[in-house]
Amino acid sequence: MPRPETYRDLSDYDRQGTPFVEIVTSITPADGSLLSSLGTFITALNKAGLTIVNSYGRITACIPPTTDELDTALLNAQENWDRAKELYDSTTSKPEDNYQVHTITNYAKKEGLPLPW
């Protein structure tokens, strides 16, 4: 994965925004009127412009990120990519630091590169 350059290069998590409300569907009672009401509520949140994320037994309605928040997320992603590339390029033997090993390994996998050790 090349260096992030646009908002589209950000992870889904970085683009989803700030959680506003979360419904734990894995424990929601299977009552018809309750499920109908939840459906109406989720539709209203979506119409209001919130992003609806459905994963891991949860439905989360998120307030879309502002341009400033996206700019910050993009800058952070670029800095992380630059730091990982620099670490990868400067490594000739396996580091003792687990964080560095993890960073280098993830960078190599995403870039399709061999491990440098």
C-alpha atoms as a PDB file:
ATOM      1  CA  MET A   1       0.000   0.000   0.000  1.00  0.00           C
ATOM      2  CA  PRO A   2       1.617   3.248  -1.076  1.00  0.00           C
ATOM      3  CA  ARG A   3       1.957   6.329   1.099  1.00  0.00           C
ATOM      4  CA  PRO A   4      -1.487   7.794   1.900  1.00  0.00           C
ATOM      5  CA  GLU A   5      -2.057  10.897  -0.235  1.00  0.00           C
ATOM      6  CA  THR A   6      -5.836  11.490  -0.168  1.00  0.00           C
ATOM      7  CA  TYR A   7      -8.748  10.934   2.195  1.00  0.00           C
ATOM      8  CA  ARG A   8      -9.668   7.826   0.193  1.00  0.00           C
ATOM      9  CA  ASP A   9      -6.346   6.310   1.273  1.00  0.00           C
ATOM     10  CA  LEU A  10      -7.388   6.467   4.930  1.00  0.00           C
ATOM     11  CA  SER A  11      -8.757   3.414   6.688  1.00  0.00           C
ATOM     12  CA  ASP A  12     -12.522   3.008   6.993  1.00  0.00           C
ATOM     13  CA  TYR A  13     -12.128   3.677  10.707  1.00  0.00           C
ATOM     14  CA  ASP A  14     -10.392   7.013  10.093  1.00  0.00           C
ATOM     15  CA  ARG A  15     -13.127   8.074   7.654  1.00  0.00           C
ATOM     16  CA  GLN A  16     -16.182   6.990   9.656  1.00  0.00           C
ATOM     17  CA  GLY A  17     -16.258   9.923  12.070  1.00  0.00           C
ATOM     18  CA  THR A  18     -17.150  10.303  15.723  1.00  0.00           C
ATOM     19  CA  PRO A  19     -19.474   7.680  17.236  1.00  0.00           C
ATOM     20  CA  PHE A  20     -22.765   9.273  18.255  1.00  0.00           C
ATOM     21  CA  VAL A  21     -24.878   6.272  19.265  1.00  0.00           C
ATOM     22  CA  GLU A  22     -24.242   2.540  19.376  1.00  0.00           C
ATOM     23  CA  ILE A  23     -26.779  -0.286  19.397  1.00  0.00           C
ATOM     24  CA  VAL A  24     -25.572  -3.704  20.495  1.00  0.00           C
ATOM     25  CA  THR A  25     -27.556  -5.906  18.146  1.00  0.00           C
ATOM     26  CA  SER A  26     -26.188  -9.137  19.576  1.00  0.00           C
ATOM     27  CA  ILE A  27     -28.224  -8.568  22.766  1.00  0.00           C
ATOM     28  CA  THR A  28     -31.236  -6.708  21.322  1.00  0.00           C
ATOM     29  CA  PRO A  29     -34.476  -8.570  22.115  1.00  0.00           C
ATOM     30  CA  ALA A  30     -36.207 -10.036  19.061  1.00  0.00           C
ATOM     31  CA  ASP A  31     -39.394  -8.092  19.702  1.00  0.00           C
ATOM     32  CA  GLY A  32     -41.121  -6.998  16.481  1.00  0.00           C
ATOM     33  CA  SER A  33     -42.153  -3.536  17.633  1.00  0.00           C
ATOM     34  CA  LEU A  34     -38.723  -2.839  19.141  1.00  0.00           C
ATOM     35  CA  LEU A  35     -36.945  -3.939  15.944  1.00  0.00           C
ATOM     36  CA  SER A  36     -39.321  -1.812  13.852  1.00  0.00           C
ATOM     37  CA  SER A  37     -38.633   1.198  16.070  1.00  0.00           C
ATOM     38  CA  LEU A  38     -34.878   0.619  15.840  1.00  0.00           C
ATOM     39  CA  GLY A  39     -35.171   0.465  12.056  1.00  0.00           C
ATOM     40  CA  THR A  40     -37.037   3.781  12.024  1.00  0.00           C
ATOM     41  CA  PHE A  41     -34.431   5.312  14.358  1.00  0.00           C
ATOM     42  CA  ILE A  42     -31.510   4.117  12.208  1.00  0.00           C
ATOM     43  CA  THR A  43     -33.215   5.431   9.062  1.00  0.00           C
ATOM     44  CA  ALA A  44     -33.674   8.833  10.735  1.00  0.00           C
ATOM     45  CA  LEU A  45     -30.005   8.916  11.761  1.00  0.00           C
ATOM     46  CA  ASN A  46     -28.971   8.082   8.210  1.00  0.00           C
ATOM     47  CA  LYS A  47     -31.273  10.795   6.769  1.00  0.00           C
ATOM     48  CA  ALA A  48     -29.703  13.256   9.226  1.00  0.00           C
ATOM     49  CA  GLY A  49     -26.340  12.608   7.569  1.00  0.00           C
ATOM     50  CA  LEU A  50     -24.792  10.231  10.063  1.00  0.00           C
ATOM     51  CA  THR A  51     -22.705   7.326   8.804  1.00  0.00           C
ATOM     52  CA  ILE A  52     -24.094   3.927   9.813  1.00  0.00           C
ATOM     53  CA  VAL A  53     -21.465   1.280  10.575  1.00  0.00           C
ATOM     54  CA  ASN A  54     -22.614  -2.307  11.117  1.00  0.00           C
ATOM     55  CA  SER A  55     -19.969  -4.662  12.482  1.00  0.00           C
ATOM     56  CA  TYR A  56     -19.194  -7.086  15.283  1.00  0.00           C
ATOM     57  CA  GLY A  57     -22.775  -7.292  16.550  1.00  0.00           C
ATOM     58  CA  ARG A  58     -23.089  -3.514  16.808  1.00  0.00           C
ATOM     59  CA  ILE A  59     -24.650  -0.759  14.770  1.00  0.00           C
ATOM     60  CA  THR A  60     -22.874   2.546  15.287  1.00  0.00           C
ATOM     61  CA  ALA A  61     -24.109   5.895  13.979  1.00  0.00           C
ATOM     62  CA  CYS A  62     -21.196   8.275  13.478  1.00  0.00           C
ATOM     63  CA  ILE A  63     -21.059  12.005  12.908  1.00  0.00           C
ATOM     64  CA  PRO A  64     -19.071  12.451   9.677  1.00  0.00           C
ATOM     65  CA  PRO A  65     -15.569  13.855  10.215  1.00  0.00           C
ATOM     66  CA  THR A  66     -14.881  17.490   9.431  1.00  0.00           C
ATOM     67  CA  THR A  67     -12.288  18.486   6.852  1.00  0.00           C
ATOM     68  CA  ASP A  68      -9.944  19.420   9.710  1.00  0.00           C
ATOM     69  CA  GLU A  69     -10.368  15.964  11.271  1.00  0.00           C
ATOM     70  CA  LEU A  70      -9.710  14.280   7.918  1.00  0.00           C
ATOM     71  CA  ASP A  71      -6.641  16.483   7.378  1.00  0.00           C
ATOM     72  CA  THR A  72      -5.313  15.462  10.804  1.00  0.00           C
ATOM     73  CA  ALA A  73      -6.019  11.769  10.143  1.00  0.00           C
ATOM     74  CA  LEU A  74      -4.265  11.990   6.762  1.00  0.00           C
ATOM     75  CA  LEU A  75      -1.254  13.735   8.283  1.00  0.00           C
ATOM     76  CA  ASN A  76      -1.048  11.060  11.008  1.00  0.00           C
ATOM     77  CA  ALA A  77      -1.313   8.240   8.444  1.00  0.00           C
ATOM     78  CA  GLN A  78       1.437   9.838   6.344  1.00  0.00           C
ATOM     79  CA  GLU A  79       3.696  10.276   9.374  1.00  0.00           C
ATOM     80  CA  ASN A  80       3.123   6.654  10.399  1.00  0.00           C
ATOM     81  CA  TRP A  81       3.913   5.438   6.870  1.00  0.00           C
ATOM     82  CA  ASP A  82       7.058   7.614   6.685  1.00  0.00           C
ATOM     83  CA  ARG A  83       8.244   6.387  10.091  1.00  0.00           C
ATOM     84  CA  ALA A  84       7.660   2.739   9.134  1.00  0.00           C
ATOM     85  CA  LYS A  85       9.477   3.172   5.790  1.00  0.00           C
ATOM     86  CA  GLU A  86      12.417   4.862   7.485  1.00  0.00           C
ATOM     87  CA  LEU A  87      12.601   2.097  10.079  1.00  0.00           C
ATOM     88  CA  TYR A  88      12.356  -0.588   7.369  1.00  0.00           C
ATOM     89  CA  ASP A  89      15.045   1.069   5.228  1.00  0.00           C
ATOM     90  CA  SER A  90      17.463   1.439   8.160  1.00  0.00           C
ATOM     91  CA  THR A  91      17.083  -2.100   9.543  1.00  0.00           C
ATOM     92  CA  THR A  92      19.566  -4.839   8.709  1.00  0.00           C
ATOM     93  CA  SER A  93      18.953  -7.203  11.620  1.00  0.00           C
ATOM     94  CA  LYS A  94      15.881  -8.106  13.663  1.00  0.00           C
ATOM     95  CA  PRO A  95      15.346  -5.469  16.378  1.00  0.00           C
ATOM     96  CA  GLU A  96      14.905  -6.509  19.981  1.00  0.00           C
ATOM     97  CA  ASP A  97      12.080  -4.012  20.418  1.00  0.00           C
ATOM     98  CA  ASN A  98       8.715  -5.726  19.743  1.00  0.00           C
ATOM     99  CA  TYR A  99       7.162  -2.456  18.553  1.00  0.00           C
ATOM    100  CA  GLN A 100       9.842  -2.081  15.864  1.00  0.00           C
ATOM    101  CA  VAL A 101       9.466  -5.713  14.781  1.00  0.00           C
ATOM    102  CA  HIS A 102       5.688  -5.228  14.517  1.00  0.00           C
ATOM    103  CA  THR A 103       6.042  -1.933  12.602  1.00  0.00           C
ATOM    104  CA  ILE A 104       8.575  -3.333  10.137  1.00  0.00           C
ATOM    105  CA  THR A 105       6.634  -6.567   9.619  1.00  0.00           C
ATOM    106  CA  ASN A 106       3.359  -4.715   8.925  1.00  0.00           C
ATOM    107  CA  TYR A 107       5.066  -2.263   6.585  1.00  0.00           C
ATOM    108  CA  ALA A 108       6.745  -5.081   4.637  1.00  0.00           C
ATOM    109  CA  LYS A 109       3.448  -6.995   4.293  1.00  0.00           C
ATOM    110  CA  LYS A 110       1.507  -3.930   3.113  1.00  0.00           C
ATOM    111  CA  GLU A 111       4.218  -2.979   0.625  1.00  0.00           C
ATOM    112  CA  GLY A 112       4.821  -6.549  -0.581  1.00  0.00           C
ATOM    113  CA  LEU A 113       8.451  -6.464   0.551  1.00  0.00           C
ATOM    114  CA  PRO A 114      10.589  -9.136   2.221  1.00  0.00           C
ATOM    115  CA  LEU A 115      11.591  -8.726   5.839  1.00  0.00           C
ATOM    116  CA  PRO A 116      15.014  -7.067   6.009  1.00  0.00           C
ATOM    117  CA  TRP A 117      16.510  -9.659   8.367  1.00  0.00           C
END
